[in-house]
Amino acid sequence: MNTDAYLRRINYTGPLHPDPETLRSLHLAHLLTVPFENLDIHLGRPIVLDDAALFDKIVERRRGGFCYELNGLFCRLLRELGFTVDKLSAGVANEEGGFDPYFDHMALLVQLDRPWLADVGFGDSFREPLLLDEPGDQTDQSGVYRIERSGDELILLQSSHHDSGKPQYRFMLQPYEYPDYAEMCRYHQTSPQSPFTRGQVCTLATLEGRITLRNMRLITTLRGDKHERVIEDQEEHRSVLREMFGIELESDKQL
């Protein structure tokens, strides 16, 4: 893989030694430059879980993706740089108080002197990797996080002013590779029950907040203040994608 091109894509010019500081810096750089988005699903384009295809999409064509794509390719970058990384299976917390099936989400385990949870494919979540063996709270700009163990499972929780720990997803530490995610990846592209088929989203972290294009609404969060406006038409929609997210769709097909 052309690691130099990938590093240019995420505007990263820092150290490359496989240590916690490099991991933190790469993780944040990725979140600030590569959006979480599901536009290909609404354009009828299949998601291909293959490093070469993902490199072409994310690096060469400067697109984003959802968890399997973003964490999958980030895993390859970290491995190329000398990190020891495993792809993990996770199930996202649902509105009924439980969790969706495993392989619903992909996260990453990075083994250094201590184990770290990395995730550049969960949208508005932690900006720096979390220590897996840290029993207490871990805080960054996006919130307060805690990882609790329940038997063989680990549960990621996020705290806010309103609650002491809302589950985000559960996961285990068994390693997997792309074929293991294929069934759930197809589900999220095709099932009417999938959140990714029910609406378009493109979201990107900024230094002081986040920008999100959800269907025809643009939501801007700046230092905790949220502003929302309606996008008038498809021409403006494409303009927002291009100017705010750096996405130039190659097809004339309408979203």
C-alpha atoms as a PDB file:
ATOM      1  CA  MET A   1       0.000   0.000   0.000  1.00  0.00           C
ATOM      2  CA  ASN A   2       1.159   3.531  -0.753  1.00  0.00           C
ATOM      3  CA  THR A   3       1.442   4.750   2.818  1.00  0.00           C
ATOM      4  CA  ASP A   4       2.749   8.167   1.732  1.00  0.00           C
ATOM      5  CA  ALA A   5      -0.429   8.796  -0.262  1.00  0.00           C
ATOM      6  CA  TYR A   6      -2.572   7.681   2.681  1.00  0.00           C
ATOM      7  CA  LEU A   7      -0.684   9.991   5.059  1.00  0.00           C
ATOM      8  CA  ARG A   8      -1.165  12.889   2.635  1.00  0.00           C
ATOM      9  CA  ARG A   9      -4.877  12.066   2.496  1.00  0.00           C
ATOM     10  CA  ILE A  10      -5.164  12.545   6.267  1.00  0.00           C
ATOM     11  CA  ASN A  11      -2.785  15.538   6.316  1.00  0.00           C
ATOM     12  CA  TYR A  12      -0.378  13.713   8.616  1.00  0.00           C
ATOM     13  CA  THR A  13       3.279  14.767   8.740  1.00  0.00           C
ATOM     14  CA  GLY A  14       4.221  13.651  12.270  1.00  0.00           C
ATOM     15  CA  PRO A  15       6.338  10.805  13.644  1.00  0.00           C
ATOM     16  CA  LEU A  16       5.718   7.256  12.403  1.00  0.00           C
ATOM     17  CA  HIS A  17       7.261   5.168  15.176  1.00  0.00           C
ATOM     18  CA  PRO A  18       4.662   2.621  16.378  1.00  0.00           C
ATOM     19  CA  ASP A  19       3.996   4.034  19.826  1.00  0.00           C
ATOM     20  CA  PRO A  20       0.964   5.480  21.677  1.00  0.00           C
ATOM     21  CA  GLU A  21       1.650   9.083  20.662  1.00  0.00           C
ATOM     22  CA  THR A  22       1.802   8.217  16.952  1.00  0.00           C
ATOM     23  CA  LEU A  23      -1.375   6.153  17.302  1.00  0.00           C
ATOM     24  CA  ARG A  24      -3.180   9.072  18.959  1.00  0.00           C
ATOM     25  CA  SER A  25      -2.032  11.515  16.306  1.00  0.00           C
ATOM     26  CA  LEU A  26      -2.963   9.261  13.370  1.00  0.00           C
ATOM     27  CA  HIS A  27      -6.359   8.494  14.914  1.00  0.00           C
ATOM     28  CA  LEU A  28      -7.230  12.175  15.343  1.00  0.00           C
ATOM     29  CA  ALA A  29      -5.875  13.123  11.899  1.00  0.00           C
ATOM     30  CA  HIS A  30      -8.085  10.450  10.315  1.00  0.00           C
ATOM     31  CA  LEU A  31     -11.226  11.655  12.085  1.00  0.00           C
ATOM     32  CA  LEU A  32     -10.588  15.266  11.023  1.00  0.00           C
ATOM     33  CA  THR A  33     -10.141  14.458   7.328  1.00  0.00           C
ATOM     34  CA  VAL A  34     -12.063  11.307   6.340  1.00  0.00           C
ATOM     35  CA  PRO A  35     -15.842  11.527   6.790  1.00  0.00           C
ATOM     36  CA  PHE A  36     -18.131   8.796   8.029  1.00  0.00           C
ATOM     37  CA  GLU A  37     -20.636   8.461   5.174  1.00  0.00           C
ATOM     38  CA  ASN A  38     -22.981   5.977   3.497  1.00  0.00           C
ATOM     39  CA  LEU A  39     -23.548   7.724   0.149  1.00  0.00           C
ATOM     40  CA  ASP A  40     -22.563   4.740  -2.011  1.00  0.00           C
ATOM     41  CA  ILE A  41     -25.422   2.705  -0.544  1.00  0.00           C
ATOM     42  CA  HIS A  42     -27.886   5.331  -1.807  1.00  0.00           C
ATOM     43  CA  LEU A  43     -26.122   5.488  -5.164  1.00  0.00           C
ATOM     44  CA  GLY A  44     -26.516   1.715  -5.560  1.00  0.00           C
ATOM     45  CA  ARG A  45     -22.790   1.051  -5.442  1.00  0.00           C
ATOM     46  CA  PRO A  46     -21.702  -2.108  -3.604  1.00  0.00           C
ATOM     47  CA  ILE A  47     -19.266  -1.802  -0.703  1.00  0.00           C
ATOM     48  CA  VAL A  48     -16.219  -3.978  -1.434  1.00  0.00           C
ATOM     49  CA  LEU A  49     -14.254  -5.083   1.643  1.00  0.00           C
ATOM     50  CA  ASP A  50     -10.839  -5.266   0.055  1.00  0.00           C
ATOM     51  CA  ASP A  51      -7.822  -3.093   0.869  1.00  0.00           C
ATOM     52  CA  ALA A  52      -7.129  -2.168  -2.760  1.00  0.00           C
ATOM     53  CA  ALA A  53     -10.749  -1.164  -3.428  1.00  0.00           C
ATOM     54  CA  LEU A  54     -10.941   0.801  -0.177  1.00  0.00           C
ATOM     55  CA  PHE A  55      -7.640   2.547  -0.879  1.00  0.00           C
ATOM     56  CA  ASP A  56      -8.960   3.621  -4.271  1.00  0.00           C
ATOM     57  CA  LYS A  57     -12.164   4.954  -2.731  1.00  0.00           C
ATOM     58  CA  ILE A  58     -10.855   6.642   0.420  1.00  0.00           C
ATOM     59  CA  VAL A  59      -7.383   7.765  -0.635  1.00  0.00           C
ATOM     60  CA  GLU A  60      -7.426   8.130  -4.424  1.00  0.00           C
ATOM     61  CA  ARG A  61     -11.011   9.391  -4.762  1.00  0.00           C
ATOM     62  CA  ARG A  62     -11.000  11.155  -1.379  1.00  0.00           C
ATOM     63  CA  ARG A  63     -14.237   9.624  -0.163  1.00  0.00           C
ATOM     64  CA  GLY A  64     -15.272   8.420   3.270  1.00  0.00           C
ATOM     65  CA  GLY A  65     -17.131   5.288   4.254  1.00  0.00           C
ATOM     66  CA  PHE A  66     -18.736   3.449   7.130  1.00  0.00           C
ATOM     67  CA  CYS A  67     -17.117   1.319   9.835  1.00  0.00           C
ATOM     68  CA  TYR A  68     -15.945  -1.678   7.800  1.00  0.00           C
ATOM     69  CA  GLU A  69     -14.331   0.614   5.250  1.00  0.00           C
ATOM     70  CA  LEU A  70     -12.777   3.220   7.533  1.00  0.00           C
ATOM     71  CA  ASN A  71     -11.491   0.890  10.231  1.00  0.00           C
ATOM     72  CA  GLY A  72     -10.548  -1.755   7.693  1.00  0.00           C
ATOM     73  CA  LEU A  73      -8.248   0.534   5.747  1.00  0.00           C
ATOM     74  CA  PHE A  74      -6.935   2.256   8.894  1.00  0.00           C
ATOM     75  CA  CYS A  75      -6.004  -1.211  10.166  1.00  0.00           C
ATOM     76  CA  ARG A  76      -3.952  -1.771   7.010  1.00  0.00           C
ATOM     77  CA  LEU A  77      -2.206   1.597   7.391  1.00  0.00           C
ATOM     78  CA  LEU A  78      -1.279   0.844  11.006  1.00  0.00           C
ATOM     79  CA  ARG A  79       0.046  -2.585  10.071  1.00  0.00           C
ATOM     80  CA  GLU A  80       2.145  -1.069   7.290  1.00  0.00           C
ATOM     81  CA  LEU A  81       3.634   1.329   9.859  1.00  0.00           C
ATOM     82  CA  GLY A  82       4.623  -1.512  12.191  1.00  0.00           C
ATOM     83  CA  PHE A  83       1.683  -1.624  14.615  1.00  0.00           C
ATOM     84  CA  THR A  84       0.158  -4.929  15.713  1.00  0.00           C
ATOM     85  CA  VAL A  85      -3.569  -4.581  14.974  1.00  0.00           C
ATOM     86  CA  ASP A  86      -6.599  -6.886  15.016  1.00  0.00           C
ATOM     87  CA  LYS A  87     -10.066  -6.259  13.625  1.00  0.00           C
ATOM     88  CA  LEU A  88     -12.735  -6.780  16.294  1.00  0.00           C
ATOM     89  CA  SER A  89     -16.413  -7.652  16.033  1.00  0.00           C
ATOM     90  CA  ALA A  90     -18.874  -5.414  17.875  1.00  0.00           C
ATOM     91  CA  GLY A  91     -22.615  -5.030  18.351  1.00  0.00           C
ATOM     92  CA  VAL A  92     -23.998  -1.497  18.610  1.00  0.00           C
ATOM     93  CA  ALA A  93     -26.359  -0.556  21.452  1.00  0.00           C
ATOM     94  CA  ASN A  94     -29.976  -0.210  20.289  1.00  0.00           C
ATOM     95  CA  GLU A  95     -33.002   1.764  21.426  1.00  0.00           C
ATOM     96  CA  GLU A  96     -34.539  -1.274  23.139  1.00  0.00           C
ATOM     97  CA  GLY A  97     -31.730  -1.379  25.681  1.00  0.00           C
ATOM     98  CA  GLY A  98     -29.889  -4.309  24.131  1.00  0.00           C
ATOM     99  CA  PHE A  99     -27.284  -4.690  21.427  1.00  0.00           C
ATOM    100  CA  ASP A 100     -27.459  -5.454  17.741  1.00  0.00           C
ATOM    101  CA  PRO A 101     -25.740  -8.644  16.511  1.00  0.00           C
ATOM    102  CA  TYR A 102     -22.011  -9.073  16.476  1.00  0.00           C
ATOM    103  CA  PHE A 103     -20.269  -7.976  13.242  1.00  0.00           C
ATOM    104  CA  ASP A 104     -22.729  -5.064  13.189  1.00  0.00           C
ATOM    105  CA  HIS A 105     -19.646  -2.891  13.729  1.00  0.00           C
ATOM    106  CA  MET A 106     -15.889  -3.213  13.296  1.00  0.00           C
ATOM    107  CA  ALA A 107     -13.455  -1.749  15.830  1.00  0.00           C
ATOM    108  CA  LEU A 108      -9.686  -2.233  16.214  1.00  0.00           C
ATOM    109  CA  LEU A 109      -7.386  -3.609  18.905  1.00  0.00           C
ATOM    110  CA  VAL A 110      -3.871  -2.124  18.808  1.00  0.00           C
ATOM    111  CA  GLN A 111      -1.269  -3.938  20.893  1.00  0.00           C
ATOM    112  CA  LEU A 112       1.525  -1.764  22.268  1.00  0.00           C
ATOM    113  CA  ASP A 113       2.954  -1.902  25.789  1.00  0.00           C
ATOM    114  CA  ARG A 114      -0.724  -1.780  26.758  1.00  0.00           C
ATOM    115  CA  PRO A 115      -3.771  -2.684  24.619  1.00  0.00           C
ATOM    116  CA  TRP A 116      -5.715   0.137  22.940  1.00  0.00           C
ATOM    117  CA  LEU A 117      -9.178   0.373  21.377  1.00  0.00           C
ATOM    118  CA  ALA A 118      -9.088   2.384  18.138  1.00  0.00           C
ATOM    119  CA  ASP A 119     -12.146   3.314  16.081  1.00  0.00           C
ATOM    120  CA  VAL A 120     -12.254   5.827  13.223  1.00  0.00           C
ATOM    121  CA  GLY A 121     -15.574   4.471  11.935  1.00  0.00           C
ATOM    122  CA  PHE A 122     -18.221   5.199  14.580  1.00  0.00           C
ATOM    123  CA  GLY A 123     -19.131   8.769  13.760  1.00  0.00           C
ATOM    124  CA  ASP A 124     -19.341  11.074  16.789  1.00  0.00           C
ATOM    125  CA  SER A 125     -17.256   9.127  19.287  1.00  0.00           C
ATOM    126  CA  PHE A 126     -13.882   9.175  21.019  1.00  0.00           C
ATOM    127  CA  ARG A 127     -11.202  11.110  19.153  1.00  0.00           C
ATOM    128  CA  GLU A 128      -8.180   9.446  20.691  1.00  0.00           C
ATOM    129  CA  PRO A 129      -7.759   5.691  21.245  1.00  0.00           C
ATOM    130  CA  LEU A 130      -8.840   4.297  24.601  1.00  0.00           C
ATOM    131  CA  LEU A 131      -6.799   2.055  26.885  1.00  0.00           C
ATOM    132  CA  LEU A 132      -8.510  -1.309  27.166  1.00  0.00           C
ATOM    133  CA  ASP A 133      -7.031  -2.114  30.559  1.00  0.00           C
ATOM    134  CA  GLU A 134      -7.943   1.220  32.164  1.00  0.00           C
ATOM    135  CA  PRO A 135     -10.846   0.615  34.609  1.00  0.00           C
ATOM    136  CA  GLY A 136     -11.734   4.271  35.116  1.00  0.00           C
ATOM    137  CA  ASP A 137     -12.991   7.144  33.000  1.00  0.00           C
ATOM    138  CA  GLN A 138     -11.033   8.345  29.985  1.00  0.00           C
ATOM    139  CA  THR A 139     -11.755  11.865  28.748  1.00  0.00           C
ATOM    140  CA  ASP A 140     -11.165  13.616  25.463  1.00  0.00           C
ATOM    141  CA  GLN A 141     -12.764  16.528  23.604  1.00  0.00           C
ATOM    142  CA  SER A 142     -15.783  14.472  22.569  1.00  0.00           C
ATOM    143  CA  GLY A 143     -16.737  13.162  26.013  1.00  0.00           C
ATOM    144  CA  VAL A 144     -16.015  10.828  28.905  1.00  0.00           C
ATOM    145  CA  TYR A 145     -15.629   7.123  28.141  1.00  0.00           C
ATOM    146  CA  ARG A 146     -15.305   3.936  30.145  1.00  0.00           C
ATOM    147  CA  ILE A 147     -14.743   0.325  29.158  1.00  0.00           C
ATOM    148  CA  GLU A 148     -16.363  -2.257  31.421  1.00  0.00           C
ATOM    149  CA  ARG A 149     -15.974  -6.022  31.304  1.00  0.00           C
ATOM    150  CA  SER A 150     -18.963  -8.361  31.451  1.00  0.00           C
ATOM    151  CA  GLY A 151     -17.729 -11.943  31.234  1.00  0.00           C
ATOM    152  CA  ASP A 152     -15.942 -12.341  27.900  1.00  0.00           C
ATOM    153  CA  GLU A 153     -17.479  -9.142  26.590  1.00  0.00           C
ATOM    154  CA  LEU A 154     -16.300  -5.570  26.944  1.00  0.00           C
ATOM    155  CA  ILE A 155     -18.761  -2.690  26.824  1.00  0.00           C
ATOM    156  CA  LEU A 156     -17.889   0.836  25.720  1.00  0.00           C
ATOM    157  CA  LEU A 157     -19.857   3.502  27.608  1.00  0.00           C
ATOM    158  CA  GLN A 158     -20.026   7.249  27.095  1.00  0.00           C
ATOM    159  CA  SER A 159     -21.010   9.596  29.917  1.00  0.00           C
ATOM    160  CA  SER A 160     -22.694  12.970  29.600  1.00  0.00           C
ATOM    161  CA  HIS A 161     -24.389  15.535  31.795  1.00  0.00           C
ATOM    162  CA  HIS A 162     -27.586  13.469  31.535  1.00  0.00           C
ATOM    163  CA  ASP A 163     -26.336   9.979  32.441  1.00  0.00           C
ATOM    164  CA  SER A 164     -23.445   8.201  34.089  1.00  0.00           C
ATOM    165  CA  GLY A 165     -22.669   5.853  31.238  1.00  0.00           C
ATOM    166  CA  LYS A 166     -24.671   5.126  28.101  1.00  0.00           C
ATOM    167  CA  PRO A 167     -23.600   1.946  26.256  1.00  0.00           C
ATOM    168  CA  GLN A 168     -22.182   2.538  22.778  1.00  0.00           C
ATOM    169  CA  TYR A 169     -21.287  -1.000  21.742  1.00  0.00           C
ATOM    170  CA  ARG A 170     -20.143  -4.353  23.088  1.00  0.00           C
ATOM    171  CA  PHE A 171     -17.170  -6.256  21.698  1.00  0.00           C
ATOM    172  CA  MET A 172     -14.812  -9.166  22.303  1.00  0.00           C
ATOM    173  CA  LEU A 173     -11.095  -9.447  21.622  1.00  0.00           C
ATOM    174  CA  GLN A 174     -11.137 -12.323  19.121  1.00  0.00           C
ATOM    175  CA  PRO A 175      -9.489 -11.212  15.842  1.00  0.00           C
ATOM    176  CA  TYR A 176     -11.309 -11.359  12.512  1.00  0.00           C
ATOM    177  CA  GLU A 177     -10.748 -10.414   8.871  1.00  0.00           C
ATOM    178  CA  TYR A 178     -12.942  -9.003   6.087  1.00  0.00           C
ATOM    179  CA  PRO A 179     -14.820 -12.220   5.109  1.00  0.00           C
ATOM    180  CA  ASP A 180     -16.199 -12.493   8.639  1.00  0.00           C
ATOM    181  CA  TYR A 181     -18.010  -9.151   8.218  1.00  0.00           C
ATOM    182  CA  ALA A 182     -19.410  -9.896   4.758  1.00  0.00           C
ATOM    183  CA  GLU A 183     -22.909 -10.979   5.823  1.00  0.00           C
ATOM    184  CA  MET A 184     -23.544  -7.951   8.040  1.00  0.00           C
ATOM    185  CA  CYS A 185     -21.983  -5.649   5.458  1.00  0.00           C
ATOM    186  CA  ARG A 186     -24.509  -6.941   2.887  1.00  0.00           C
ATOM    187  CA  TYR A 187     -27.307  -6.512   5.434  1.00  0.00           C
ATOM    188  CA  HIS A 188     -26.437  -2.869   6.022  1.00  0.00           C
ATOM    189  CA  GLN A 189     -26.410  -2.211   2.274  1.00  0.00           C
ATOM    190  CA  THR A 190     -29.677  -3.970   1.449  1.00  0.00           C
ATOM    191  CA  SER A 191     -32.014  -4.408   4.428  1.00  0.00           C
ATOM    192  CA  PRO A 192     -34.810  -1.865   4.921  1.00  0.00           C
ATOM    193  CA  GLN A 193     -34.189  -2.365   8.658  1.00  0.00           C
ATOM    194  CA  SER A 194     -30.624  -1.085   8.402  1.00  0.00           C
ATOM    195  CA  PRO A 195     -30.094   2.537   9.500  1.00  0.00           C
ATOM    196  CA  PHE A 196     -27.818   2.966   6.493  1.00  0.00           C
ATOM    197  CA  THR A 197     -30.559   2.261   3.944  1.00  0.00           C
ATOM    198  CA  ARG A 198     -33.104   4.474   5.730  1.00  0.00           C
ATOM    199  CA  GLY A 199     -31.203   7.733   5.376  1.00  0.00           C
ATOM    200  CA  GLN A 200     -28.094   9.417   4.037  1.00  0.00           C
ATOM    201  CA  VAL A 201     -25.405  10.685   6.356  1.00  0.00           C
ATOM    202  CA  CYS A 202     -22.041  12.356   5.946  1.00  0.00           C
ATOM    203  CA  THR A 203     -20.331  13.555   9.109  1.00  0.00           C
ATOM    204  CA  LEU A 204     -16.871  14.848   9.936  1.00  0.00           C
ATOM    205  CA  ALA A 205     -15.151  15.933  13.136  1.00  0.00           C
ATOM    206  CA  THR A 206     -13.730  19.461  13.219  1.00  0.00           C
ATOM    207  CA  LEU A 207     -11.240  20.979  15.632  1.00  0.00           C
ATOM    208  CA  GLU A 208     -14.039  22.634  17.589  1.00  0.00           C
ATOM    209  CA  GLY A 209     -17.020  20.423  16.885  1.00  0.00           C
ATOM    210  CA  ARG A 210     -18.597  18.539  13.982  1.00  0.00           C
ATOM    211  CA  ILE A 211     -20.382  19.031  10.680  1.00  0.00           C
ATOM    212  CA  THR A 212     -23.094  16.602   9.600  1.00  0.00           C
ATOM    213  CA  LEU A 213     -25.163  16.391   6.429  1.00  0.00           C
ATOM    214  CA  ARG A 214     -28.164  14.170   7.190  1.00  0.00           C
ATOM    215  CA  ASN A 215     -30.429  13.805   4.183  1.00  0.00           C
ATOM    216  CA  MET A 216     -31.270  17.448   3.359  1.00  0.00           C
ATOM    217  CA  ARG A 217     -30.266  18.978   6.701  1.00  0.00           C
ATOM    218  CA  LEU A 218     -26.877  20.484   7.498  1.00  0.00           C
ATOM    219  CA  ILE A 219     -26.025  20.393  11.213  1.00  0.00           C
ATOM    220  CA  THR A 220     -23.041  22.364  12.472  1.00  0.00           C
ATOM    221  CA  THR A 221     -21.791  21.990  16.042  1.00  0.00           C
ATOM    222  CA  LEU A 222     -19.257  24.534  17.270  1.00  0.00           C
ATOM    223  CA  ARG A 223     -18.014  24.438  20.877  1.00  0.00           C
ATOM    224  CA  GLY A 224     -21.249  22.786  21.967  1.00  0.00           C
ATOM    225  CA  ASP A 225     -23.610  25.102  20.076  1.00  0.00           C
ATOM    226  CA  LYS A 226     -25.650  23.347  17.397  1.00  0.00           C
ATOM    227  CA  HIS A 227     -27.086  25.049  14.320  1.00  0.00           C
ATOM    228  CA  GLU A 228     -29.245  23.423  11.671  1.00  0.00           C
ATOM    229  CA  ARG A 229     -30.512  24.479   8.272  1.00  0.00           C
ATOM    230  CA  VAL A 230     -32.370  22.861   5.398  1.00  0.00           C
ATOM    231  CA  ILE A 231     -30.580  22.194   2.110  1.00  0.00           C
ATOM    232  CA  GLU A 232     -32.744  23.536  -0.691  1.00  0.00           C
ATOM    233  CA  ASP A 233     -32.013  21.193  -3.609  1.00  0.00           C
ATOM    234  CA  GLN A 234     -29.661  18.569  -5.031  1.00  0.00           C
ATOM    235  CA  GLU A 235     -27.360  21.195  -6.498  1.00  0.00           C
ATOM    236  CA  GLU A 236     -26.788  22.715  -3.060  1.00  0.00           C
ATOM    237  CA  HIS A 237     -26.456  19.211  -1.590  1.00  0.00           C
ATOM    238  CA  ARG A 238     -23.586  18.420  -3.950  1.00  0.00           C
ATOM    239  CA  SER A 239     -22.042  21.812  -3.257  1.00  0.00           C
ATOM    240  CA  VAL A 240     -22.066  21.155   0.509  1.00  0.00           C
ATOM    241  CA  LEU A 241     -20.492  17.727  -0.011  1.00  0.00           C
ATOM    242  CA  ARG A 242     -17.773  19.259  -2.157  1.00  0.00           C
ATOM    243  CA  GLU A 243     -16.995  22.372  -0.118  1.00  0.00           C
ATOM    244  CA  MET A 244     -17.447  21.099   3.445  1.00  0.00           C
ATOM    245  CA  PHE A 245     -16.515  17.427   3.157  1.00  0.00           C
ATOM    246  CA  GLY A 246     -14.218  17.380   0.134  1.00  0.00           C
ATOM    247  CA  ILE A 247     -16.449  14.843  -1.639  1.00  0.00           C
ATOM    248  CA  GLU A 248     -16.950  15.139  -5.373  1.00  0.00           C
ATOM    249  CA  LEU A 249     -19.391  12.454  -6.513  1.00  0.00           C
ATOM    250  CA  GLU A 250     -18.299  10.959  -9.819  1.00  0.00           C
ATOM    251  CA  SER A 251     -21.761   9.988 -11.051  1.00  0.00           C
ATOM    252  CA  ASP A 252     -24.652  12.021 -12.374  1.00  0.00           C
ATOM    253  CA  LYS A 253     -27.014   9.717 -10.495  1.00  0.00           C
ATOM    254  CA  GLN A 254     -28.988  11.647  -7.911  1.00  0.00           C
ATOM    255  CA  LEU A 255     -28.880  10.729  -4.239  1.00  0.00           C
END
